[in-house]
Protein backbone atom coordinates (compact mmCIF):
# COMPACT_ATOMS: atom_id res chain seq x y z
CA MET A 1 0.00 -5.63 6.89
CA ALA A 2 2.81 -6.86 4.73
CA SER A 3 2.96 -4.50 1.79
CA ASN A 4 2.48 -7.35 -0.68
CA PHE A 5 -0.38 -9.18 1.14
CA GLY A 6 -3.80 -9.42 -0.42
CA ILE A 7 -7.03 -11.39 -0.19
CA ASP A 8 -9.33 -12.11 -3.13
CA LEU A 9 -12.86 -13.18 -2.26
CA ASP A 10 -14.85 -15.45 -4.58
CA LYS A 11 -18.31 -16.89 -4.02
CA THR A 12 -18.45 -20.63 -4.54
CA SER A 13 -21.39 -23.01 -4.88
CA ASP A 14 -21.10 -24.04 -1.22
CA GLY A 15 -19.70 -20.89 0.42
CA VAL A 16 -16.84 -18.47 -0.08
CA GLY A 17 -13.26 -18.79 -1.27
CA LEU A 18 -10.51 -16.56 0.08
CA LYS A 19 -7.32 -16.56 -1.98
CA LEU A 20 -4.27 -15.35 -0.07
CA ALA A 21 -1.27 -13.79 -1.77
CA GLY A 22 2.01 -12.39 -0.46
CA ASP A 23 3.57 -12.45 3.00
CA PHE A 24 1.55 -13.40 6.07
CA ASP A 25 2.50 -11.38 9.16
CA GLY A 26 0.50 -10.28 12.21
CA THR A 27 -1.38 -7.53 10.44
CA SER A 28 -2.13 -9.85 7.53
CA ALA A 29 -3.58 -12.35 10.00
CA TYR A 30 -5.88 -9.66 11.40
CA GLU A 31 -6.90 -8.73 7.86
CA LEU A 32 -7.82 -12.37 7.16
CA ILE A 33 -9.73 -12.63 10.46
CA TYR A 34 -11.63 -9.44 9.63
CA ALA A 35 -12.51 -10.80 6.18
CA ILE A 36 -13.86 -14.00 7.77
CA GLU A 37 -15.81 -12.13 10.45
CA LYS A 38 -17.43 -9.85 7.84
CA LEU A 39 -18.98 -12.85 6.08
CA PRO A 40 -22.68 -13.44 6.73
CA GLU A 41 -23.53 -15.91 9.52
CA GLU A 42 -25.22 -18.24 7.03
CA THR A 43 -22.06 -18.59 4.92
CA GLY A 44 -21.42 -22.26 4.33
CA ARG A 45 -17.88 -23.46 3.83
CA ILE A 46 -15.01 -20.95 3.87
CA THR A 47 -12.12 -22.15 1.72
CA ILE A 48 -8.78 -20.43 2.25
CA CYS A 49 -6.45 -21.01 -0.71
CA THR A 50 -2.75 -20.68 0.09
CA ASP A 51 -1.30 -20.98 -3.41
CA GLY A 52 -0.20 -17.33 -3.44
CA LEU A 53 1.43 -17.25 0.01
CA LYS A 54 5.11 -16.47 0.09
CA ASN A 55 6.54 -16.04 3.60
CA THR A 56 4.74 -16.63 6.87
CA TYR A 57 5.85 -15.16 10.17
CA PRO A 58 5.40 -16.70 13.64
CA PHE A 59 3.34 -13.83 15.06
CA GLY A 60 0.91 -13.97 12.13
CA LEU A 61 0.51 -17.72 12.57
CA ASP A 62 -0.02 -17.32 16.32
CA VAL A 63 -2.74 -14.69 15.78
CA PHE A 64 -4.49 -16.85 13.18
CA HIS A 65 -4.28 -20.04 15.28
CA ARG A 66 -5.72 -18.27 18.34
CA PHE A 67 -8.62 -17.08 16.20
CA ILE A 68 -9.29 -20.60 14.89
CA ARG A 69 -9.23 -22.02 18.43
CA SER A 70 -11.67 -19.33 19.60
CA LEU A 71 -14.32 -20.51 17.13
CA ASN A 72 -15.34 -23.39 19.43
CA GLY A 73 -16.25 -25.92 16.78
CA GLN A 74 -17.24 -23.38 14.13
CA SER A 75 -13.79 -23.78 12.59
CA ALA A 76 -15.04 -26.99 10.94
CA LYS A 77 -16.49 -24.87 8.15
CA ILE A 78 -13.05 -23.36 7.42
CA VAL A 79 -11.00 -25.44 4.99
CA ILE A 80 -7.41 -24.52 4.14
CA THR A 81 -6.22 -25.68 0.74
CA GLY A 82 -3.44 -25.09 -1.77
CA LYS A 83 0.19 -25.88 -2.29
CA ASN A 84 1.27 -23.79 0.72
CA VAL A 85 -1.22 -25.21 3.23
CA SER A 86 1.64 -26.26 5.52
CA LYS A 87 2.57 -22.57 5.91
CA LEU A 88 -0.66 -21.91 7.85
CA GLU A 89 -0.47 -25.01 10.07
């Protein structure tokens, strides 16, 4: 994981918010995936806030995108927000 990467988890009224901070590399992507997979099945919406992202790296994006595609429709409950949303697309 990038030495400056972190995830803050906040419960929201309709689910969970994950606030990303730092650089997003391959290990950071796996850390985010693990955080999502640890959430209870009945978790509503998962909001990923990108305001704190700095640099993103191609391998990290590839890992994250493969995970999203593997959700087979379940990805609809994952919403990516924030000023750096384009960095995760």
